[in-house]
Amino acid sequence: MSVVSAALVAVLLTTRPWRYEETGTATVDVSARPVFVFQRGQCHRCLVERQAGELRAGYSTTRTAIVDVNSRGWEITEAQCLLRYHGYDPGVPDGEYDERSKDATKRFQRNHGLVADGIVGPTTWRELRQDDERGRHGFHTGHDHRFHRTGTEPPDRDHEG
């Protein structure tokens, strides 16, 4: 039995299956992605591009992660960047899904005919990843971390200021 266990451990250490993530179009080595370390207010750049037929900001390729208040991680940064791209200000794209991010998600969901619960799930990811030409509202890739806005960014559609 110990020979079988040793062989299994050797196979796992060699192949390291935990390092890979299925993206729907390819298998990605997730060890190439830096470990997410949260620092409140640390801004990550939002450079949204069309890749493999969908919008991506380069932080996560997920289409299924469930994101709600108090979630942290690269998926949150991805959602925040996509919300900004579509014209909904989630605050600083820092990887923390807070009330401001949830409010931006609710506005996005309402304007796209989705259930406006503020939770980013598969249906909201699908809409966020679509480039329906409503995006690119002039949001800058960098912004003033202290005030969350550059002053030249347009306000959210449902929100003054």
N, C-alpha and C. Protein backbone atom coordinates (compact mmCIF):
# COMPACT_ATOMS: atom_id res chain seq x y z
N MET A 1 0.82 -1.20 0.00
CA MET A 1 0.00 0.00 0.00
C MET A 1 0.87 1.26 0.00
N SER A 2 1.99 1.23 0.73
CA SER A 2 2.84 2.41 0.77
C SER A 2 3.50 2.70 -0.57
N VAL A 3 3.70 1.69 -1.39
CA VAL A 3 4.27 1.88 -2.73
C VAL A 3 3.26 2.65 -3.59
N VAL A 4 1.99 2.29 -3.49
CA VAL A 4 0.94 2.98 -4.24
C VAL A 4 0.84 4.43 -3.76
N SER A 5 0.88 4.65 -2.48
CA SER A 5 0.82 6.01 -1.93
C SER A 5 2.01 6.83 -2.40
N ALA A 6 3.19 6.24 -2.37
CA ALA A 6 4.40 6.95 -2.81
C ALA A 6 4.29 7.30 -4.30
N ALA A 7 3.75 6.38 -5.09
CA ALA A 7 3.59 6.62 -6.52
C ALA A 7 2.58 7.75 -6.76
N LEU A 8 1.48 7.74 -6.00
CA LEU A 8 0.48 8.79 -6.14
C LEU A 8 1.06 10.15 -5.78
N VAL A 9 1.80 10.22 -4.69
CA VAL A 9 2.44 11.47 -4.28
C VAL A 9 3.41 11.94 -5.35
N ALA A 10 4.17 11.03 -5.92
CA ALA A 10 5.14 11.39 -6.97
C ALA A 10 4.43 11.96 -8.19
N VAL A 11 3.32 11.33 -8.58
CA VAL A 11 2.55 11.82 -9.74
C VAL A 11 1.99 13.21 -9.44
N LEU A 12 1.43 13.42 -8.26
CA LEU A 12 0.86 14.72 -7.90
C LEU A 12 1.94 15.80 -7.85
N LEU A 13 3.09 15.48 -7.30
CA LEU A 13 4.17 16.47 -7.24
C LEU A 13 4.73 16.79 -8.61
N THR A 14 4.70 15.83 -9.50
CA THR A 14 5.19 16.05 -10.86
C THR A 14 4.21 16.86 -11.69
N THR A 15 2.93 16.49 -11.64
CA THR A 15 1.93 17.16 -12.49
C THR A 15 1.35 18.41 -11.88
N ARG A 16 1.34 18.51 -10.56
CA ARG A 16 0.78 19.65 -9.82
C ARG A 16 -0.54 20.14 -10.42
N PRO A 17 -1.59 19.31 -10.40
CA PRO A 17 -2.85 19.70 -11.03
C PRO A 17 -3.50 20.92 -10.39
N TRP A 18 -3.17 21.24 -9.16
CA TRP A 18 -3.74 22.41 -8.50
C TRP A 18 -3.25 23.71 -9.10
N ARG A 19 -2.24 23.69 -9.94
CA ARG A 19 -1.67 24.89 -10.55
C ARG A 19 -2.44 25.34 -11.78
N TYR A 20 -3.41 24.57 -12.23
CA TYR A 20 -4.06 24.86 -13.50
C TYR A 20 -5.54 25.17 -13.31
N GLU A 21 -6.04 26.04 -14.17
CA GLU A 21 -7.44 26.44 -14.12
C GLU A 21 -8.01 26.36 -15.53
N GLU A 22 -9.16 25.73 -15.67
CA GLU A 22 -9.83 25.68 -16.96
C GLU A 22 -10.52 27.01 -17.21
N THR A 23 -10.30 27.61 -18.36
CA THR A 23 -10.90 28.91 -18.65
C THR A 23 -12.02 28.82 -19.67
N GLY A 24 -12.27 27.65 -20.19
CA GLY A 24 -13.28 27.51 -21.24
C GLY A 24 -12.63 27.50 -22.61
N THR A 25 -11.51 28.19 -22.76
CA THR A 25 -10.81 28.21 -24.04
C THR A 25 -9.42 27.60 -23.94
N ALA A 26 -8.91 27.48 -22.73
CA ALA A 26 -7.56 26.95 -22.54
C ALA A 26 -7.35 26.57 -21.09
N THR A 27 -6.25 25.91 -20.83
CA THR A 27 -5.84 25.61 -19.47
C THR A 27 -4.71 26.57 -19.13
N VAL A 28 -4.86 27.28 -18.03
CA VAL A 28 -3.92 28.33 -17.65
C VAL A 28 -3.15 27.89 -16.42
N ASP A 29 -1.84 28.16 -16.42
CA ASP A 29 -1.00 27.88 -15.26
C ASP A 29 -1.21 29.02 -14.28
N VAL A 30 -1.97 28.77 -13.20
CA VAL A 30 -2.30 29.84 -12.26
C VAL A 30 -1.12 30.24 -11.39
N SER A 31 -0.06 29.41 -11.38
CA SER A 31 1.11 29.81 -10.59
C SER A 31 1.82 30.99 -11.23
N ALA A 32 1.54 31.26 -12.51
CA ALA A 32 2.15 32.40 -13.18
C ALA A 32 1.52 33.71 -12.70
N ARG A 33 0.31 33.63 -12.15
CA ARG A 33 -0.39 34.80 -11.63
C ARG A 33 0.13 35.07 -10.22
N PRO A 34 0.44 36.32 -9.90
CA PRO A 34 0.92 36.58 -8.54
C PRO A 34 -0.16 36.30 -7.50
N VAL A 35 0.25 35.92 -6.33
CA VAL A 35 -0.67 35.66 -5.24
C VAL A 35 -1.38 36.96 -4.89
N PHE A 36 -2.69 36.90 -4.66
CA PHE A 36 -3.43 38.10 -4.31
C PHE A 36 -3.15 38.45 -2.86
N VAL A 37 -2.68 39.67 -2.66
CA VAL A 37 -2.46 40.20 -1.32
C VAL A 37 -3.25 41.50 -1.24
N PHE A 38 -4.23 41.52 -0.35
CA PHE A 38 -5.09 42.69 -0.26
C PHE A 38 -4.46 43.78 0.58
N GLN A 39 -4.49 44.99 0.02
CA GLN A 39 -4.12 46.20 0.75
C GLN A 39 -5.18 47.24 0.41
N ARG A 40 -5.94 47.63 1.43
CA ARG A 40 -7.04 48.57 1.21
C ARG A 40 -6.54 49.81 0.46
N GLY A 41 -7.25 50.16 -0.60
CA GLY A 41 -6.94 51.35 -1.37
C GLY A 41 -5.83 51.18 -2.39
N GLN A 42 -5.18 50.02 -2.44
CA GLN A 42 -4.14 49.80 -3.44
C GLN A 42 -4.82 49.63 -4.79
N CYS A 43 -4.56 50.55 -5.67
CA CYS A 43 -5.22 50.57 -6.97
C CYS A 43 -4.49 49.66 -7.96
N HIS A 44 -5.26 48.85 -8.67
CA HIS A 44 -4.72 48.03 -9.75
C HIS A 44 -5.19 48.67 -11.07
N ARG A 45 -4.32 48.71 -12.04
CA ARG A 45 -4.66 49.32 -13.33
C ARG A 45 -5.74 48.53 -14.03
N CYS A 46 -6.63 49.24 -14.67
CA CYS A 46 -7.72 48.61 -15.42
C CYS A 46 -7.49 48.81 -16.91
N LEU A 47 -6.90 47.85 -17.54
CA LEU A 47 -6.68 47.89 -18.99
C LEU A 47 -7.54 46.79 -19.62
N VAL A 48 -8.76 47.13 -19.94
CA VAL A 48 -9.71 46.16 -20.47
C VAL A 48 -9.50 46.03 -21.97
N GLU A 49 -9.40 44.78 -22.40
CA GLU A 49 -9.21 44.47 -23.83
C GLU A 49 -10.12 43.33 -24.21
N ARG A 50 -10.39 43.23 -25.52
CA ARG A 50 -11.16 42.10 -26.02
C ARG A 50 -10.18 40.97 -26.30
N GLN A 51 -10.43 39.82 -25.65
CA GLN A 51 -9.61 38.62 -25.83
C GLN A 51 -10.53 37.42 -25.92
N ALA A 52 -10.26 36.54 -26.86
CA ALA A 52 -11.05 35.32 -27.02
C ALA A 52 -12.55 35.63 -27.09
N GLY A 53 -12.91 36.73 -27.72
CA GLY A 53 -14.31 37.08 -27.91
C GLY A 53 -15.01 37.69 -26.72
N GLU A 54 -14.27 38.07 -25.69
CA GLU A 54 -14.89 38.69 -24.53
C GLU A 54 -13.97 39.73 -23.93
N LEU A 55 -14.53 40.58 -23.06
CA LEU A 55 -13.73 41.61 -22.40
C LEU A 55 -12.97 41.00 -21.23
N ARG A 56 -11.71 41.40 -21.11
CA ARG A 56 -10.88 40.93 -20.00
C ARG A 56 -9.98 42.06 -19.53
N ALA A 57 -9.79 42.13 -18.22
CA ALA A 57 -8.89 43.13 -17.64
C ALA A 57 -7.55 42.51 -17.25
N GLY A 58 -7.42 41.21 -17.38
CA GLY A 58 -6.14 40.55 -17.13
C GLY A 58 -5.93 40.04 -15.72
N TYR A 59 -6.94 40.12 -14.86
CA TYR A 59 -6.79 39.65 -13.48
C TYR A 59 -7.39 38.27 -13.25
N SER A 60 -8.42 37.93 -14.00
CA SER A 60 -9.08 36.64 -13.85
C SER A 60 -9.87 36.36 -15.13
N THR A 61 -9.96 35.10 -15.47
CA THR A 61 -10.75 34.71 -16.64
C THR A 61 -12.06 34.07 -16.22
N THR A 62 -12.39 34.14 -14.95
CA THR A 62 -13.58 33.46 -14.44
C THR A 62 -14.84 33.96 -15.13
N ARG A 63 -15.78 33.05 -15.24
CA ARG A 63 -17.12 33.38 -15.70
C ARG A 63 -18.13 32.80 -14.73
N THR A 64 -17.62 32.20 -13.63
CA THR A 64 -18.51 31.50 -12.71
C THR A 64 -18.34 31.89 -11.24
N ALA A 65 -17.28 32.58 -10.88
CA ALA A 65 -17.06 32.91 -9.47
C ALA A 65 -18.24 33.72 -8.93
N ILE A 66 -18.63 33.45 -7.70
CA ILE A 66 -19.70 34.19 -7.04
C ILE A 66 -19.04 35.27 -6.19
N VAL A 67 -19.38 36.52 -6.44
CA VAL A 67 -18.76 37.66 -5.77
C VAL A 67 -19.83 38.43 -5.01
N ASP A 68 -19.61 38.61 -3.72
CA ASP A 68 -20.52 39.39 -2.89
C ASP A 68 -19.70 40.18 -1.88
N VAL A 69 -20.36 41.02 -1.11
CA VAL A 69 -19.68 41.89 -0.15
C VAL A 69 -18.73 41.09 0.73
N ASN A 70 -17.59 41.69 1.00
CA ASN A 70 -16.50 41.13 1.80
C ASN A 70 -15.67 40.09 1.07
N SER A 71 -15.92 39.87 -0.23
CA SER A 71 -15.06 39.01 -1.03
C SER A 71 -13.80 39.79 -1.38
N ARG A 72 -12.70 39.08 -1.49
CA ARG A 72 -11.43 39.69 -1.89
C ARG A 72 -10.72 38.75 -2.84
N GLY A 73 -10.04 39.32 -3.82
CA GLY A 73 -9.26 38.50 -4.74
C GLY A 73 -9.18 39.11 -6.12
N TRP A 74 -8.45 38.38 -6.98
CA TRP A 74 -8.28 38.87 -8.35
C TRP A 74 -9.60 38.91 -9.10
N GLU A 75 -10.53 38.01 -8.77
CA GLU A 75 -11.84 38.04 -9.42
C GLU A 75 -12.55 39.36 -9.15
N ILE A 76 -12.36 39.88 -7.94
CA ILE A 76 -13.00 41.15 -7.58
C ILE A 76 -12.39 42.28 -8.40
N THR A 77 -11.05 42.29 -8.51
CA THR A 77 -10.37 43.31 -9.31
C THR A 77 -10.88 43.25 -10.75
N GLU A 78 -11.02 42.04 -11.29
CA GLU A 78 -11.53 41.87 -12.65
C GLU A 78 -12.93 42.47 -12.77
N ALA A 79 -13.82 42.14 -11.83
CA ALA A 79 -15.18 42.67 -11.86
C ALA A 79 -15.18 44.19 -11.74
N GLN A 80 -14.36 44.74 -10.85
CA GLN A 80 -14.29 46.19 -10.68
C GLN A 80 -13.82 46.87 -11.97
N CYS A 81 -12.84 46.31 -12.62
CA CYS A 81 -12.35 46.90 -13.88
C CYS A 81 -13.41 46.82 -14.97
N LEU A 82 -14.12 45.71 -15.05
CA LEU A 82 -15.16 45.58 -16.07
C LEU A 82 -16.33 46.53 -15.78
N LEU A 83 -16.67 46.69 -14.52
CA LEU A 83 -17.72 47.67 -14.16
C LEU A 83 -17.29 49.06 -14.59
N ARG A 84 -16.05 49.44 -14.31
CA ARG A 84 -15.54 50.76 -14.72
C ARG A 84 -15.61 50.91 -16.23
N TYR A 85 -15.22 49.88 -16.94
CA TYR A 85 -15.23 49.91 -18.40
C TYR A 85 -16.64 50.21 -18.93
N HIS A 86 -17.63 49.63 -18.29
CA HIS A 86 -19.02 49.82 -18.72
C HIS A 86 -19.63 51.11 -18.19
N GLY A 87 -18.88 51.88 -17.40
CA GLY A 87 -19.37 53.18 -16.95
C GLY A 87 -19.96 53.20 -15.56
N TYR A 88 -19.69 52.20 -14.75
CA TYR A 88 -20.21 52.12 -13.39
C TYR A 88 -19.03 52.17 -12.43
N ASP A 89 -18.99 53.17 -11.58
CA ASP A 89 -17.84 53.39 -10.72
C ASP A 89 -17.92 52.56 -9.44
N PRO A 90 -17.09 51.50 -9.33
CA PRO A 90 -17.09 50.67 -8.12
C PRO A 90 -16.12 51.17 -7.06
N GLY A 91 -15.53 52.34 -7.27
CA GLY A 91 -14.50 52.83 -6.37
C GLY A 91 -13.14 52.36 -6.83
N VAL A 92 -12.19 52.36 -5.94
CA VAL A 92 -10.83 51.96 -6.26
C VAL A 92 -10.80 50.48 -6.64
N PRO A 93 -10.25 50.12 -7.80
CA PRO A 93 -10.15 48.70 -8.16
C PRO A 93 -9.03 48.04 -7.35
N ASP A 94 -9.37 47.69 -6.11
CA ASP A 94 -8.36 47.18 -5.18
C ASP A 94 -8.54 45.70 -4.84
N GLY A 95 -9.56 45.06 -5.40
CA GLY A 95 -9.77 43.64 -5.13
C GLY A 95 -10.65 43.36 -3.93
N GLU A 96 -11.27 44.39 -3.36
CA GLU A 96 -12.20 44.18 -2.25
C GLU A 96 -13.59 44.57 -2.72
N TYR A 97 -14.52 43.64 -2.60
CA TYR A 97 -15.89 43.89 -3.02
C TYR A 97 -16.64 44.47 -1.83
N ASP A 98 -16.76 45.79 -1.83
CA ASP A 98 -17.40 46.50 -0.73
C ASP A 98 -18.77 47.00 -1.16
N GLU A 99 -19.41 47.80 -0.33
CA GLU A 99 -20.75 48.31 -0.63
C GLU A 99 -20.76 49.17 -1.90
N ARG A 100 -19.70 49.93 -2.12
CA ARG A 100 -19.64 50.75 -3.34
C ARG A 100 -19.60 49.88 -4.59
N SER A 101 -18.82 48.80 -4.54
CA SER A 101 -18.78 47.87 -5.68
C SER A 101 -20.14 47.21 -5.87
N LYS A 102 -20.78 46.85 -4.77
CA LYS A 102 -22.10 46.21 -4.86
C LYS A 102 -23.13 47.17 -5.45
N ASP A 103 -23.09 48.43 -5.06
CA ASP A 103 -24.02 49.42 -5.63
C ASP A 103 -23.80 49.59 -7.13
N ALA A 104 -22.54 49.64 -7.56
CA ALA A 104 -22.23 49.75 -8.99
C ALA A 104 -22.74 48.53 -9.73
N THR A 105 -22.59 47.36 -9.12
CA THR A 105 -23.08 46.11 -9.74
C THR A 105 -24.60 46.14 -9.86
N LYS A 106 -25.29 46.61 -8.83
CA LYS A 106 -26.76 46.69 -8.90
C LYS A 106 -27.20 47.61 -10.03
N ARG A 107 -26.56 48.75 -10.18
CA ARG A 107 -26.91 49.67 -11.28
C ARG A 107 -26.67 49.00 -12.64
N PHE A 108 -25.52 48.33 -12.77
CA PHE A 108 -25.21 47.61 -14.00
C PHE A 108 -26.27 46.55 -14.28
N GLN A 109 -26.60 45.76 -13.27
CA GLN A 109 -27.59 44.70 -13.44
C GLN A 109 -28.95 45.27 -13.84
N ARG A 110 -29.38 46.32 -13.17
CA ARG A 110 -30.67 46.93 -13.47
C ARG A 110 -30.70 47.42 -14.92
N ASN A 111 -29.64 48.07 -15.37
CA ASN A 111 -29.60 48.62 -16.73
C ASN A 111 -29.41 47.55 -17.80
N HIS A 112 -29.08 46.32 -17.40
CA HIS A 112 -28.92 45.23 -18.36
C HIS A 112 -30.01 44.17 -18.22
N GLY A 113 -31.08 44.51 -17.51
CA GLY A 113 -32.23 43.61 -17.41
C GLY A 113 -31.98 42.37 -16.56
N LEU A 114 -31.04 42.46 -15.63
CA LEU A 114 -30.73 41.33 -14.75
C LEU A 114 -31.36 41.55 -13.38
N VAL A 115 -31.40 40.51 -12.58
CA VAL A 115 -31.83 40.64 -11.19
C VAL A 115 -30.81 41.52 -10.49
N ALA A 116 -31.26 42.63 -9.93
CA ALA A 116 -30.35 43.61 -9.33
C ALA A 116 -30.11 43.29 -7.86
N ASP A 117 -29.35 42.20 -7.61
CA ASP A 117 -29.05 41.80 -6.24
C ASP A 117 -27.64 42.20 -5.80
N GLY A 118 -26.85 42.71 -6.75
CA GLY A 118 -25.50 43.14 -6.41
C GLY A 118 -24.50 42.01 -6.30
N ILE A 119 -24.91 40.80 -6.59
CA ILE A 119 -24.01 39.65 -6.54
C ILE A 119 -23.56 39.34 -7.96
N VAL A 120 -22.25 39.26 -8.15
CA VAL A 120 -21.71 38.91 -9.46
C VAL A 120 -21.63 37.40 -9.54
N GLY A 121 -22.47 36.83 -10.38
CA GLY A 121 -22.49 35.39 -10.63
C GLY A 121 -22.38 35.16 -12.13
N PRO A 122 -22.60 33.94 -12.59
CA PRO A 122 -22.41 33.62 -14.01
C PRO A 122 -23.16 34.53 -14.99
N THR A 123 -24.40 34.89 -14.69
CA THR A 123 -25.18 35.74 -15.60
C THR A 123 -24.59 37.14 -15.67
N THR A 124 -24.19 37.69 -14.52
CA THR A 124 -23.60 39.03 -14.51
C THR A 124 -22.22 39.00 -15.16
N TRP A 125 -21.43 37.94 -14.91
CA TRP A 125 -20.13 37.83 -15.58
C TRP A 125 -20.31 37.84 -17.10
N ARG A 126 -21.31 37.09 -17.59
CA ARG A 126 -21.55 37.03 -19.03
C ARG A 126 -21.80 38.43 -19.59
N GLU A 127 -22.63 39.22 -18.90
CA GLU A 127 -22.91 40.59 -19.35
C GLU A 127 -21.68 41.49 -19.22
N LEU A 128 -20.94 41.36 -18.11
CA LEU A 128 -19.74 42.19 -17.93
C LEU A 128 -18.70 41.92 -19.01
N ARG A 129 -18.63 40.69 -19.47
CA ARG A 129 -17.61 40.32 -20.46
C ARG A 129 -18.03 40.65 -21.89
N GLN A 130 -19.27 41.07 -22.09
CA GLN A 130 -19.73 41.44 -23.44
C GLN A 130 -19.37 42.89 -23.74
N ASP A 131 -18.90 43.12 -24.95
CA ASP A 131 -18.63 44.48 -25.39
C ASP A 131 -19.80 44.91 -26.27
N ASP A 132 -20.76 45.57 -25.63
CA ASP A 132 -21.97 45.97 -26.34
C ASP A 132 -21.92 47.42 -26.79
N GLU A 133 -20.70 47.97 -26.85
CA GLU A 133 -20.48 49.35 -27.26
C GLU A 133 -21.07 50.36 -26.28
N ARG A 134 -21.57 49.89 -25.13
CA ARG A 134 -21.98 50.82 -24.10
C ARG A 134 -20.78 51.15 -23.21
N GLY A 135 -19.70 50.40 -23.37
CA GLY A 135 -18.50 50.59 -22.55
C GLY A 135 -17.64 51.73 -23.06
N ARG A 136 -16.44 51.78 -22.57
CA ARG A 136 -15.46 52.79 -22.95
C ARG A 136 -16.00 54.19 -22.71
N HIS A 137 -16.45 54.46 -21.53
CA HIS A 137 -17.03 55.76 -21.21
C HIS A 137 -16.00 56.79 -20.79
N GLY A 138 -14.77 56.60 -21.20
CA GLY A 138 -13.76 57.60 -20.89
C GLY A 138 -13.13 57.44 -19.53
N PHE A 139 -13.37 56.33 -18.87
CA PHE A 139 -12.72 56.12 -17.59
C PHE A 139 -11.23 55.96 -17.82
N HIS A 140 -10.46 56.59 -16.97
CA HIS A 140 -9.02 56.54 -17.09
C HIS A 140 -8.49 55.26 -16.47
N THR A 141 -7.30 54.85 -16.91
CA THR A 141 -6.69 53.65 -16.33
C THR A 141 -6.10 53.96 -14.97
N GLY A 142 -5.81 55.19 -14.69
CA GLY A 142 -5.32 55.58 -13.37
C GLY A 142 -6.24 56.65 -12.82
N HIS A 143 -6.33 56.75 -11.53
CA HIS A 143 -7.18 57.77 -10.95
C HIS A 143 -6.65 58.14 -9.57
N ASP A 144 -7.19 59.18 -9.01
CA ASP A 144 -6.73 59.67 -7.71
C ASP A 144 -7.27 58.74 -6.62
N HIS A 145 -6.36 58.02 -5.95
CA HIS A 145 -6.76 57.04 -4.96
C HIS A 145 -7.48 57.68 -3.78
N ARG A 146 -7.16 58.92 -3.48
CA ARG A 146 -7.76 59.57 -2.30
C ARG A 146 -9.22 59.90 -2.53
N PHE A 147 -9.57 60.24 -3.77
CA PHE A 147 -10.93 60.69 -4.05
C PHE A 147 -11.71 59.73 -4.93
N HIS A 148 -11.09 58.63 -5.36
CA HIS A 148 -11.71 57.61 -6.18
C HIS A 148 -12.05 58.08 -7.58
N ARG A 149 -11.92 59.36 -7.87
CA ARG A 149 -12.29 59.87 -9.20
C ARG A 149 -11.24 60.87 -9.64
N THR A 150 -11.09 61.04 -10.94
CA THR A 150 -10.15 62.01 -11.47
C THR A 150 -10.78 63.39 -11.58
N GLY A 151 -12.09 63.44 -11.55
CA GLY A 151 -12.77 64.70 -11.78
C GLY A 151 -13.15 64.83 -13.24
N THR A 152 -12.51 64.05 -14.12
CA THR A 152 -12.87 64.07 -15.53
C THR A 152 -13.66 62.83 -15.90
N GLU A 153 -13.83 61.90 -14.95
CA GLU A 153 -14.60 60.71 -15.24
C GLU A 153 -16.09 61.04 -15.19
N PRO A 154 -16.86 60.43 -16.08
CA PRO A 154 -18.30 60.70 -16.03
C PRO A 154 -18.94 60.05 -14.83
N PRO A 155 -20.00 60.62 -14.30
CA PRO A 155 -20.69 59.96 -13.19
C PRO A 155 -21.41 58.72 -13.69
N ASP A 156 -21.76 57.84 -12.77
CA ASP A 156 -22.55 56.68 -13.12
C ASP A 156 -23.88 57.15 -13.72
N ARG A 157 -24.47 56.31 -14.52
CA ARG A 157 -25.73 56.66 -15.18
C ARG A 157 -26.84 56.99 -14.18
N ASP A 158 -26.89 56.24 -13.08
CA ASP A 158 -27.98 56.44 -12.11
C ASP A 158 -27.56 57.27 -10.93
N HIS A 159 -26.40 57.91 -11.00
CA HIS A 159 -25.86 58.57 -9.81
C HIS A 159 -25.21 59.89 -10.19
N GLU A 160 -25.60 60.93 -9.55
CA GLU A 160 -24.96 62.22 -9.77
C GLU A 160 -23.67 62.29 -8.99
N GLY A 161 -22.60 62.76 -9.58
CA GLY A 161 -21.38 62.96 -8.81
C GLY A 161 -20.42 61.92 -9.01
